[in-house]
Amino acid sequence: MAAAEGGGSWRNRRAGQRTAIAVVVAAVLFVGSAAFAGAAVQPYLADRATVAVKLEVARTAANAITVLWTYTPENMDTLADRAATYLSGDFGAQYRKFVDAIVGPNKQAKITNSTEVTGVAVESLDASNAIAIVYTNTTSTSPLTKNIPALKYLSYRLFMKRSAVRWLVTRMTTITSLDLTPQL
């Protein structure tokens, strides 16, 4: 009987070892699969974050161009102030100087300028800088030209910098300028 009991405890120990091995293998597999899942998901999450920032840059660039180049004789006086929310540093000062120079003549000629953004692309992006390209159609009208619209296709390259939670335009260059105004 003692031999039978000794064999039973040996079997119990053997079963206990198998259970322990199975638990260790399951734990290793669980940790390994979690590590694999984390490694697989990380690039996806990084890409999603980059896409979100690019969308923010593109929206800001489109809004900035629309504000900078859309005005009427009635709101021309506030153009520089409205645009200031999108501009930074020297570029903001240069734009204000430009607007101050054209307010009088444009109000006198009753010029209405309307800019429609037709496309935006983010050319480059890093942690605090971005470059966006904005494609536009701009229409200008004035009673002096019998309200015949001046049509221009323009594209701009905007150099942007992150300031706290916002993106601001620090520099802007014209890439393309095509005047489609009818010649009378």
N, C-alpha and C. Protein backbone atom coordinates (compact mmCIF):
# COMPACT_ATOMS: atom_id res chain seq x y z
N MET A 1 0.82 -1.18 0.00
CA MET A 1 0.00 0.00 0.00
C MET A 1 0.86 1.25 0.00
N ALA A 2 1.97 1.17 0.75
CA ALA A 2 2.87 2.31 0.80
C ALA A 2 3.46 2.57 -0.57
N ALA A 3 3.72 1.49 -1.31
CA ALA A 3 4.27 1.67 -2.65
C ALA A 3 3.25 2.35 -3.55
N ALA A 4 1.99 2.01 -3.38
CA ALA A 4 0.95 2.63 -4.19
C ALA A 4 0.82 4.10 -3.84
N GLU A 5 0.94 4.42 -2.53
CA GLU A 5 0.85 5.82 -2.13
C GLU A 5 2.05 6.59 -2.64
N GLY A 6 3.23 5.98 -2.63
CA GLY A 6 4.44 6.64 -3.14
C GLY A 6 4.31 6.92 -4.62
N GLY A 7 3.72 6.01 -5.36
CA GLY A 7 3.53 6.21 -6.80
C GLY A 7 2.52 7.30 -7.07
N GLY A 8 1.52 7.42 -6.19
CA GLY A 8 0.50 8.45 -6.35
C GLY A 8 1.07 9.83 -6.13
N SER A 9 1.95 9.95 -5.10
CA SER A 9 2.53 11.27 -4.84
C SER A 9 3.50 11.65 -5.96
N TRP A 10 4.17 10.63 -6.51
CA TRP A 10 5.05 10.90 -7.65
C TRP A 10 4.24 11.42 -8.83
N ARG A 11 3.10 10.79 -9.07
CA ARG A 11 2.20 11.24 -10.15
C ARG A 11 1.68 12.64 -9.87
N ASN A 12 1.35 12.90 -8.62
CA ASN A 12 0.86 14.23 -8.24
C ASN A 12 1.94 15.29 -8.46
N ARG A 13 3.17 14.93 -8.09
CA ARG A 13 4.28 15.88 -8.31
C ARG A 13 4.48 16.10 -9.80
N ARG A 14 4.41 15.04 -10.56
CA ARG A 14 4.58 15.12 -12.01
C ARG A 14 3.48 15.99 -12.62
N ALA A 15 2.25 15.81 -12.17
CA ALA A 15 1.13 16.61 -12.66
C ALA A 15 1.31 18.07 -12.25
N GLY A 16 1.81 18.28 -11.04
CA GLY A 16 2.07 19.65 -10.57
C GLY A 16 3.14 20.33 -11.41
N GLN A 17 4.18 19.57 -11.77
CA GLN A 17 5.24 20.13 -12.61
C GLN A 17 4.69 20.48 -13.99
N ARG A 18 3.87 19.61 -14.53
CA ARG A 18 3.27 19.88 -15.85
C ARG A 18 2.40 21.13 -15.80
N THR A 19 1.64 21.26 -14.73
CA THR A 19 0.79 22.45 -14.57
C THR A 19 1.65 23.70 -14.47
N ALA A 20 2.71 23.63 -13.69
CA ALA A 20 3.61 24.78 -13.54
C ALA A 20 4.25 25.14 -14.87
N ILE A 21 4.69 24.13 -15.61
CA ILE A 21 5.28 24.39 -16.93
C ILE A 21 4.25 25.01 -17.87
N ALA A 22 3.04 24.51 -17.84
CA ALA A 22 1.98 25.05 -18.70
C ALA A 22 1.69 26.50 -18.34
N VAL A 23 1.67 26.81 -17.04
CA VAL A 23 1.43 28.19 -16.60
C VAL A 23 2.56 29.10 -17.06
N VAL A 24 3.81 28.64 -16.91
CA VAL A 24 4.96 29.44 -17.34
C VAL A 24 4.92 29.66 -18.85
N VAL A 25 4.65 28.61 -19.61
CA VAL A 25 4.56 28.73 -21.08
C VAL A 25 3.45 29.71 -21.46
N ALA A 26 2.29 29.59 -20.81
CA ALA A 26 1.17 30.50 -21.10
C ALA A 26 1.55 31.94 -20.78
N ALA A 27 2.25 32.15 -19.65
CA ALA A 27 2.66 33.50 -19.27
C ALA A 27 3.66 34.06 -20.28
N VAL A 28 4.62 33.23 -20.69
CA VAL A 28 5.61 33.67 -21.68
C VAL A 28 4.91 34.01 -23.00
N LEU A 29 3.99 33.17 -23.43
CA LEU A 29 3.25 33.44 -24.66
C LEU A 29 2.42 34.72 -24.54
N PHE A 30 1.79 34.93 -23.40
CA PHE A 30 1.00 36.14 -23.19
C PHE A 30 1.88 37.38 -23.25
N VAL A 31 2.99 37.37 -22.53
CA VAL A 31 3.90 38.51 -22.52
C VAL A 31 4.47 38.74 -23.92
N GLY A 32 4.85 37.66 -24.59
CA GLY A 32 5.38 37.77 -25.95
C GLY A 32 4.37 38.34 -26.92
N SER A 33 3.13 37.87 -26.83
CA SER A 33 2.10 38.39 -27.75
C SER A 33 1.77 39.84 -27.43
N ALA A 34 1.79 40.22 -26.16
CA ALA A 34 1.55 41.62 -25.79
C ALA A 34 2.67 42.50 -26.32
N ALA A 35 3.91 42.04 -26.22
CA ALA A 35 5.05 42.80 -26.74
C ALA A 35 4.95 42.93 -28.26
N PHE A 36 4.58 41.85 -28.93
CA PHE A 36 4.41 41.89 -30.38
C PHE A 36 3.30 42.86 -30.77
N ALA A 37 2.18 42.79 -30.06
CA ALA A 37 1.06 43.69 -30.36
C ALA A 37 1.47 45.14 -30.14
N GLY A 38 2.18 45.40 -29.06
CA GLY A 38 2.65 46.76 -28.79
C GLY A 38 3.58 47.25 -29.87
N ALA A 39 4.49 46.39 -30.30
CA ALA A 39 5.43 46.77 -31.36
C ALA A 39 4.70 46.99 -32.68
N ALA A 40 3.66 46.22 -32.94
CA ALA A 40 2.91 46.37 -34.18
C ALA A 40 2.02 47.60 -34.16
N VAL A 41 1.47 47.95 -33.01
CA VAL A 41 0.55 49.08 -32.90
C VAL A 41 1.28 50.41 -32.84
N GLN A 42 2.48 50.44 -32.30
CA GLN A 42 3.21 51.70 -32.12
C GLN A 42 3.37 52.48 -33.42
N PRO A 43 3.83 51.88 -34.53
CA PRO A 43 3.94 52.65 -35.78
C PRO A 43 2.58 53.17 -36.26
N TYR A 44 1.56 52.38 -36.06
CA TYR A 44 0.21 52.79 -36.45
C TYR A 44 -0.21 54.03 -35.67
N LEU A 45 0.01 54.03 -34.36
CA LEU A 45 -0.36 55.18 -33.54
C LEU A 45 0.49 56.40 -33.89
N ALA A 46 1.78 56.19 -34.16
CA ALA A 46 2.64 57.30 -34.56
C ALA A 46 2.17 57.89 -35.88
N ASP A 47 1.80 57.04 -36.84
CA ASP A 47 1.29 57.53 -38.12
C ASP A 47 -0.01 58.31 -37.94
N ARG A 48 -0.88 57.82 -37.08
CA ARG A 48 -2.14 58.53 -36.83
C ARG A 48 -1.88 59.90 -36.22
N ALA A 49 -0.93 59.99 -35.31
CA ALA A 49 -0.58 61.28 -34.70
C ALA A 49 -0.01 62.23 -35.74
N THR A 50 0.85 61.72 -36.62
CA THR A 50 1.42 62.55 -37.68
C THR A 50 0.33 63.05 -38.62
N VAL A 51 -0.58 62.19 -38.99
CA VAL A 51 -1.69 62.59 -39.87
C VAL A 51 -2.53 63.67 -39.20
N ALA A 52 -2.79 63.54 -37.92
CA ALA A 52 -3.58 64.54 -37.20
C ALA A 52 -2.87 65.90 -37.21
N VAL A 53 -1.56 65.91 -37.01
CA VAL A 53 -0.80 67.16 -37.03
C VAL A 53 -0.80 67.75 -38.44
N LYS A 54 -0.64 66.90 -39.46
CA LYS A 54 -0.66 67.40 -40.84
C LYS A 54 -2.01 68.02 -41.18
N LEU A 55 -3.08 67.41 -40.71
CA LEU A 55 -4.41 68.00 -40.94
C LEU A 55 -4.54 69.35 -40.25
N GLU A 56 -4.01 69.45 -39.05
CA GLU A 56 -4.04 70.72 -38.32
C GLU A 56 -3.24 71.79 -39.07
N VAL A 57 -2.06 71.43 -39.57
CA VAL A 57 -1.23 72.36 -40.34
C VAL A 57 -1.97 72.78 -41.61
N ALA A 58 -2.55 71.83 -42.32
CA ALA A 58 -3.26 72.13 -43.57
C ALA A 58 -4.46 73.05 -43.32
N ARG A 59 -5.23 72.77 -42.28
CA ARG A 59 -6.39 73.64 -41.97
C ARG A 59 -5.93 75.05 -41.62
N THR A 60 -4.89 75.15 -40.82
CA THR A 60 -4.39 76.47 -40.44
C THR A 60 -3.87 77.22 -41.66
N ALA A 61 -3.14 76.54 -42.53
CA ALA A 61 -2.62 77.19 -43.74
C ALA A 61 -3.76 77.67 -44.63
N ALA A 62 -4.77 76.84 -44.82
CA ALA A 62 -5.92 77.23 -45.65
C ALA A 62 -6.66 78.41 -45.04
N ASN A 63 -6.89 78.37 -43.74
CA ASN A 63 -7.57 79.48 -43.07
C ASN A 63 -6.76 80.76 -43.14
N ALA A 64 -5.44 80.64 -42.97
CA ALA A 64 -4.58 81.82 -43.02
C ALA A 64 -4.65 82.49 -44.39
N ILE A 65 -4.52 81.71 -45.45
CA ILE A 65 -4.56 82.29 -46.80
C ILE A 65 -5.92 82.92 -47.07
N THR A 66 -6.98 82.26 -46.66
CA THR A 66 -8.31 82.81 -46.87
C THR A 66 -8.45 84.16 -46.15
N VAL A 67 -8.00 84.24 -44.91
CA VAL A 67 -8.10 85.49 -44.16
C VAL A 67 -7.18 86.56 -44.76
N LEU A 68 -5.97 86.19 -45.15
CA LEU A 68 -5.02 87.17 -45.68
C LEU A 68 -5.49 87.82 -46.98
N TRP A 69 -6.20 87.07 -47.82
CA TRP A 69 -6.52 87.57 -49.15
C TRP A 69 -8.02 87.68 -49.44
N THR A 70 -8.85 87.72 -48.41
CA THR A 70 -10.28 87.93 -48.61
C THR A 70 -10.69 89.18 -47.84
N TYR A 71 -11.21 90.17 -48.56
CA TYR A 71 -11.62 91.42 -47.91
C TYR A 71 -12.61 92.18 -48.79
N THR A 72 -13.31 93.09 -48.15
CA THR A 72 -14.24 94.00 -48.83
C THR A 72 -13.85 95.42 -48.42
N PRO A 73 -14.39 96.43 -49.10
CA PRO A 73 -14.10 97.80 -48.67
C PRO A 73 -14.55 98.05 -47.22
N GLU A 74 -15.60 97.37 -46.80
CA GLU A 74 -16.14 97.58 -45.45
C GLU A 74 -15.26 96.96 -44.35
N ASN A 75 -14.59 95.85 -44.63
CA ASN A 75 -13.80 95.21 -43.57
C ASN A 75 -12.29 95.31 -43.80
N MET A 76 -11.89 96.10 -44.77
CA MET A 76 -10.47 96.25 -45.09
C MET A 76 -9.67 96.79 -43.90
N ASP A 77 -10.30 97.67 -43.11
CA ASP A 77 -9.60 98.27 -41.96
C ASP A 77 -9.20 97.23 -40.91
N THR A 78 -9.92 96.14 -40.82
CA THR A 78 -9.64 95.13 -39.79
C THR A 78 -8.84 93.94 -40.34
N LEU A 79 -8.46 94.00 -41.59
CA LEU A 79 -7.76 92.87 -42.23
C LEU A 79 -6.47 92.50 -41.50
N ALA A 80 -5.64 93.48 -41.20
CA ALA A 80 -4.36 93.18 -40.54
C ALA A 80 -4.59 92.55 -39.16
N ASP A 81 -5.59 93.02 -38.44
CA ASP A 81 -5.88 92.45 -37.12
C ASP A 81 -6.39 91.02 -37.24
N ARG A 82 -7.26 90.77 -38.21
CA ARG A 82 -7.77 89.41 -38.41
C ARG A 82 -6.64 88.47 -38.81
N ALA A 83 -5.76 88.94 -39.68
CA ALA A 83 -4.65 88.11 -40.15
C ALA A 83 -3.61 87.86 -39.06
N ALA A 84 -3.51 88.78 -38.11
CA ALA A 84 -2.49 88.66 -37.06
C ALA A 84 -2.62 87.37 -36.26
N THR A 85 -3.81 86.81 -36.19
CA THR A 85 -3.98 85.56 -35.44
C THR A 85 -3.28 84.39 -36.11
N TYR A 86 -2.90 84.55 -37.38
CA TYR A 86 -2.23 83.47 -38.12
C TYR A 86 -0.76 83.75 -38.39
N LEU A 87 -0.29 84.96 -38.10
CA LEU A 87 1.06 85.36 -38.48
C LEU A 87 1.96 85.53 -37.26
N SER A 88 3.26 85.41 -37.51
CA SER A 88 4.22 85.50 -36.42
C SER A 88 5.40 86.37 -36.81
N GLY A 89 5.93 87.05 -35.82
CA GLY A 89 7.19 87.75 -35.96
C GLY A 89 7.24 88.78 -37.06
N ASP A 90 8.38 88.80 -37.76
CA ASP A 90 8.63 89.77 -38.82
C ASP A 90 7.59 89.69 -39.93
N PHE A 91 7.14 88.48 -40.24
CA PHE A 91 6.16 88.34 -41.31
C PHE A 91 4.86 89.05 -40.96
N GLY A 92 4.44 88.95 -39.72
CA GLY A 92 3.25 89.66 -39.28
C GLY A 92 3.41 91.16 -39.43
N ALA A 93 4.58 91.68 -39.07
CA ALA A 93 4.86 93.12 -39.20
C ALA A 93 4.90 93.54 -40.66
N GLN A 94 5.51 92.71 -41.52
CA GLN A 94 5.56 93.02 -42.96
C GLN A 94 4.16 93.03 -43.57
N TYR A 95 3.34 92.06 -43.19
CA TYR A 95 1.99 92.00 -43.74
C TYR A 95 1.18 93.21 -43.29
N ARG A 96 1.30 93.60 -42.03
CA ARG A 96 0.58 94.77 -41.53
C ARG A 96 1.00 96.02 -42.31
N LYS A 97 2.29 96.16 -42.58
CA LYS A 97 2.80 97.30 -43.34
C LYS A 97 2.22 97.29 -44.76
N PHE A 98 2.18 96.11 -45.38
CA PHE A 98 1.60 95.96 -46.72
C PHE A 98 0.13 96.36 -46.72
N VAL A 99 -0.62 95.85 -45.76
CA VAL A 99 -2.06 96.15 -45.70
C VAL A 99 -2.28 97.63 -45.45
N ASP A 100 -1.52 98.22 -44.54
CA ASP A 100 -1.67 99.66 -44.27
C ASP A 100 -1.46 100.48 -45.54
N ALA A 101 -0.56 100.03 -46.41
CA ALA A 101 -0.29 100.76 -47.66
C ALA A 101 -1.41 100.61 -48.68
N ILE A 102 -2.15 99.49 -48.65
CA ILE A 102 -3.19 99.29 -49.68
C ILE A 102 -4.60 99.60 -49.21
N VAL A 103 -4.79 99.84 -47.91
CA VAL A 103 -6.15 100.10 -47.41
C VAL A 103 -6.78 101.29 -48.12
N GLY A 104 -6.10 102.41 -48.14
CA GLY A 104 -6.65 103.63 -48.75
C GLY A 104 -7.02 103.44 -50.21
N PRO A 105 -6.06 103.03 -51.05
CA PRO A 105 -6.39 102.85 -52.48
C PRO A 105 -7.47 101.79 -52.72
N ASN A 106 -7.43 100.69 -51.99
CA ASN A 106 -8.43 99.63 -52.19
C ASN A 106 -9.81 100.05 -51.73
N LYS A 107 -9.89 100.81 -50.63
CA LYS A 107 -11.19 101.30 -50.18
C LYS A 107 -11.74 102.31 -51.19
N GLN A 108 -10.87 103.17 -51.70
CA GLN A 108 -11.30 104.18 -52.67
C GLN A 108 -11.78 103.51 -53.95
N ALA A 109 -11.10 102.47 -54.39
CA ALA A 109 -11.49 101.76 -55.62
C ALA A 109 -12.61 100.76 -55.34
N LYS A 110 -12.99 100.60 -54.07
CA LYS A 110 -14.04 99.66 -53.66
C LYS A 110 -13.76 98.24 -54.14
N ILE A 111 -12.53 97.81 -53.91
CA ILE A 111 -12.11 96.48 -54.34
C ILE A 111 -12.59 95.43 -53.34
N THR A 112 -13.18 94.39 -53.88
CA THR A 112 -13.56 93.22 -53.10
C THR A 112 -12.70 92.07 -53.60
N ASN A 113 -12.02 91.43 -52.68
CA ASN A 113 -11.13 90.33 -53.02
C ASN A 113 -11.65 89.07 -52.31
N SER A 114 -11.82 88.00 -53.06
CA SER A 114 -12.32 86.75 -52.49
C SER A 114 -11.37 85.62 -52.90
N THR A 115 -10.85 84.93 -51.91
CA THR A 115 -9.92 83.83 -52.17
C THR A 115 -10.53 82.52 -51.72
N GLU A 116 -10.54 81.57 -52.64
CA GLU A 116 -11.04 80.23 -52.35
C GLU A 116 -9.86 79.27 -52.41
N VAL A 117 -9.66 78.54 -51.34
CA VAL A 117 -8.59 77.54 -51.30
C VAL A 117 -9.09 76.30 -52.04
N THR A 118 -8.31 75.86 -53.03
CA THR A 118 -8.70 74.68 -53.81
C THR A 118 -7.92 73.43 -53.42
N GLY A 119 -6.83 73.62 -52.70
CA GLY A 119 -6.06 72.46 -52.26
C GLY A 119 -4.94 72.87 -51.32
N VAL A 120 -4.56 71.94 -50.46
CA VAL A 120 -3.46 72.17 -49.52
C VAL A 120 -2.65 70.88 -49.42
N ALA A 121 -1.34 71.04 -49.38
CA ALA A 121 -0.46 69.89 -49.18
C ALA A 121 0.57 70.27 -48.13
N VAL A 122 0.88 69.34 -47.25
CA VAL A 122 1.94 69.57 -46.27
C VAL A 122 3.22 68.99 -46.88
N GLU A 123 4.14 69.89 -47.18
CA GLU A 123 5.38 69.49 -47.85
C GLU A 123 6.37 68.86 -46.87
N SER A 124 6.48 69.44 -45.69
CA SER A 124 7.37 68.85 -44.68
C SER A 124 6.84 69.18 -43.29
N LEU A 125 7.25 68.34 -42.35
CA LEU A 125 6.76 68.49 -40.98
C LEU A 125 7.78 67.91 -40.02
N ASP A 126 8.10 68.67 -38.98
CA ASP A 126 8.85 68.11 -37.86
C ASP A 126 8.18 68.61 -36.59
N ALA A 127 8.81 68.44 -35.47
CA ALA A 127 8.16 68.73 -34.19
C ALA A 127 7.62 70.15 -34.08
N SER A 128 8.37 71.13 -34.57
CA SER A 128 7.93 72.52 -34.39
C SER A 128 7.89 73.34 -35.67
N ASN A 129 8.16 72.74 -36.82
CA ASN A 129 8.15 73.47 -38.09
C ASN A 129 7.38 72.68 -39.14
N ALA A 130 6.76 73.42 -40.05
CA ALA A 130 6.05 72.78 -41.15
C ALA A 130 6.10 73.70 -42.36
N ILE A 131 6.00 73.09 -43.52
CA ILE A 131 5.87 73.84 -44.76
C ILE A 131 4.64 73.29 -45.46
N ALA A 132 3.74 74.22 -45.82
CA ALA A 132 2.51 73.83 -46.50
C ALA A 132 2.42 74.57 -47.82
N ILE A 133 1.84 73.92 -48.81
CA ILE A 133 1.58 74.54 -50.10
C ILE A 133 0.07 74.69 -50.22
N VAL A 134 -0.36 75.91 -50.56
CA VAL A 134 -1.79 76.20 -50.65
C VAL A 134 -2.10 76.68 -52.06
N TYR A 135 -3.09 76.05 -52.68
CA TYR A 135 -3.53 76.40 -54.04
C TYR A 135 -4.83 77.18 -53.93
N THR A 136 -4.92 78.29 -54.67
CA THR A 136 -6.10 79.15 -54.54
C THR A 136 -6.60 79.64 -55.89
N ASN A 137 -7.85 80.03 -55.88
CA ASN A 137 -8.46 80.83 -56.94
C ASN A 137 -8.90 82.12 -56.28
N THR A 138 -8.46 83.25 -56.83
CA THR A 138 -8.78 84.54 -56.25
C THR A 138 -9.54 85.37 -57.28
N THR A 139 -10.61 86.00 -56.82
CA THR A 139 -11.43 86.85 -57.67
C THR A 139 -11.47 88.24 -57.05
N SER A 140 -11.18 89.26 -57.86
CA SER A 140 -11.25 90.65 -57.40
C SER A 140 -12.24 91.39 -58.27
N THR A 141 -13.06 92.21 -57.63
CA THR A 141 -14.00 93.04 -58.39
C THR A 141 -13.93 94.47 -57.87
N SER A 142 -14.30 95.40 -58.77
CA SER A 142 -14.32 96.82 -58.42
C SER A 142 -15.26 97.54 -59.39
N PRO A 143 -15.98 98.52 -58.90
CA PRO A 143 -16.80 99.31 -59.82
C PRO A 143 -15.96 100.00 -60.91
N LEU A 144 -14.68 100.25 -60.61
CA LEU A 144 -13.81 100.89 -61.61
C LEU A 144 -13.59 100.01 -62.83
N THR A 145 -13.72 98.70 -62.65
CA THR A 145 -13.58 97.77 -63.78
C THR A 145 -14.95 97.21 -64.18
N LYS A 146 -15.99 97.98 -63.86
CA LYS A 146 -17.38 97.59 -64.17
C LYS A 146 -17.71 96.23 -63.56
N ASN A 147 -17.11 95.95 -62.42
CA ASN A 147 -17.31 94.69 -61.69
C ASN A 147 -17.00 93.45 -62.52
N ILE A 148 -16.21 93.62 -63.57
CA ILE A 148 -15.71 92.45 -64.32
C ILE A 148 -14.62 91.83 -63.45
N PRO A 149 -14.77 90.58 -63.08
CA PRO A 149 -13.84 90.00 -62.12
C PRO A 149 -12.44 89.79 -62.69
N ALA A 150 -11.46 90.10 -61.86
CA ALA A 150 -10.08 89.74 -62.16
C ALA A 150 -9.89 88.35 -61.55
N LEU A 151 -9.46 87.40 -62.35
CA LEU A 151 -9.33 86.01 -61.90
C LEU A 151 -7.85 85.63 -61.85
N LYS A 152 -7.44 85.10 -60.72
CA LYS A 152 -6.05 84.68 -60.58
C LYS A 152 -5.99 83.32 -59.91
N TYR A 153 -5.11 82.50 -60.46
CA TYR A 153 -4.78 81.22 -59.83
C TYR A 153 -3.43 81.43 -59.17
N LEU A 154 -3.37 81.25 -57.87
CA LEU A 154 -2.12 81.46 -57.14
C LEU A 154 -1.84 80.27 -56.24
N SER A 155 -0.59 79.95 -56.09
CA SER A 155 -0.21 78.96 -55.08
C SER A 155 0.91 79.55 -54.24
N TYR A 156 0.85 79.23 -52.97
CA TYR A 156 1.78 79.79 -51.99
C TYR A 156 2.47 78.67 -51.21
N ARG A 157 3.68 78.96 -50.80
CA ARG A 157 4.40 78.08 -49.87
C ARG A 157 4.44 78.82 -48.53
N LEU A 158 3.86 78.21 -47.51
CA LEU A 158 3.82 78.82 -46.19
C LEU A 158 4.79 78.09 -45.26
N PHE A 159 5.66 78.86 -44.65
CA PHE A 159 6.59 78.33 -43.65
C PHE A 159 5.95 78.60 -42.29
N MET A 160 5.76 77.54 -41.54
CA MET A 160 4.99 77.65 -40.30
C MET A 160 5.80 77.14 -39.11
N LYS A 161 5.48 77.71 -37.95
CA LYS A 161 6.15 77.32 -36.71
C LYS A 161 5.08 77.11 -35.64
N ARG A 162 5.28 76.07 -34.85
CA ARG A 162 4.34 75.80 -33.74
C ARG A 162 4.64 76.78 -32.61
N SER A 163 3.59 77.42 -32.15
CA SER A 163 3.69 78.33 -31.01
C SER A 163 2.67 77.85 -29.99
N ALA A 164 3.14 77.21 -28.95
CA ALA A 164 2.26 76.59 -27.94
C ALA A 164 1.38 75.56 -28.64
N VAL A 165 0.09 75.82 -28.75
CA VAL A 165 -0.82 74.84 -29.36
C VAL A 165 -1.25 75.23 -30.77
N ARG A 166 -0.73 76.35 -31.28
CA ARG A 166 -1.14 76.83 -32.61
C ARG A 166 0.03 76.83 -33.58
N TRP A 167 -0.31 76.78 -34.86
CA TRP A 167 0.68 76.93 -35.92
C TRP A 167 0.55 78.34 -36.47
N LEU A 168 1.69 79.02 -36.63
CA LEU A 168 1.70 80.39 -37.15
C LEU A 168 2.58 80.46 -38.39
N VAL A 169 2.18 81.31 -39.32
CA VAL A 169 2.94 81.51 -40.56
C VAL A 169 4.08 82.48 -40.26
N THR A 170 5.30 82.06 -40.58
CA THR A 170 6.47 82.91 -40.35
C THR A 170 7.02 83.50 -41.65
N ARG A 171 6.64 82.87 -42.76
CA ARG A 171 7.11 83.35 -44.06
C ARG A 171 6.20 82.77 -45.12
N MET A 172 6.06 83.49 -46.23
CA MET A 172 5.21 83.01 -47.32
C MET A 172 5.83 83.44 -48.65
N THR A 173 5.88 82.52 -49.58
CA THR A 173 6.36 82.85 -50.92
C THR A 173 5.31 82.41 -51.94
N THR A 174 5.25 83.13 -53.05
CA THR A 174 4.34 82.76 -54.13
C THR A 174 5.06 81.76 -55.02
N ILE A 175 4.41 80.65 -55.29
CA ILE A 175 4.99 79.63 -56.17
C ILE A 175 4.52 79.85 -57.59
N THR A 176 3.22 79.99 -57.75
CA THR A 176 2.60 80.12 -59.07
C THR A 176 1.66 81.31 -59.07
N SER A 177 1.68 82.06 -60.15
CA SER A 177 0.73 83.16 -60.31
C SER A 177 0.29 83.18 -61.77
N LEU A 178 -0.97 82.87 -61.98
CA LEU A 178 -1.52 82.83 -63.33
C LEU A 178 -2.73 83.76 -63.37
N ASP A 179 -2.63 84.82 -64.15
CA ASP A 179 -3.71 85.80 -64.25
C ASP A 179 -4.62 85.42 -65.40
N LEU A 180 -5.88 85.14 -65.09
CA LEU A 180 -6.87 84.75 -66.09
C LEU A 180 -7.90 85.85 -66.33
N THR A 181 -7.55 87.08 -65.97
CA THR A 181 -8.47 88.20 -66.10
C THR A 181 -8.74 88.49 -67.57
N PRO A 182 -10.03 88.62 -67.94
CA PRO A 182 -10.35 88.96 -69.33
C PRO A 182 -9.79 90.34 -69.69
N GLN A 183 -9.16 90.43 -70.82
CA GLN A 183 -8.61 91.70 -71.29
C GLN A 183 -9.63 92.39 -72.19
N LEU A 184 -10.00 93.59 -71.84
CA LEU A 184 -11.00 94.33 -72.62
C LEU A 184 -10.36 95.25 -73.61
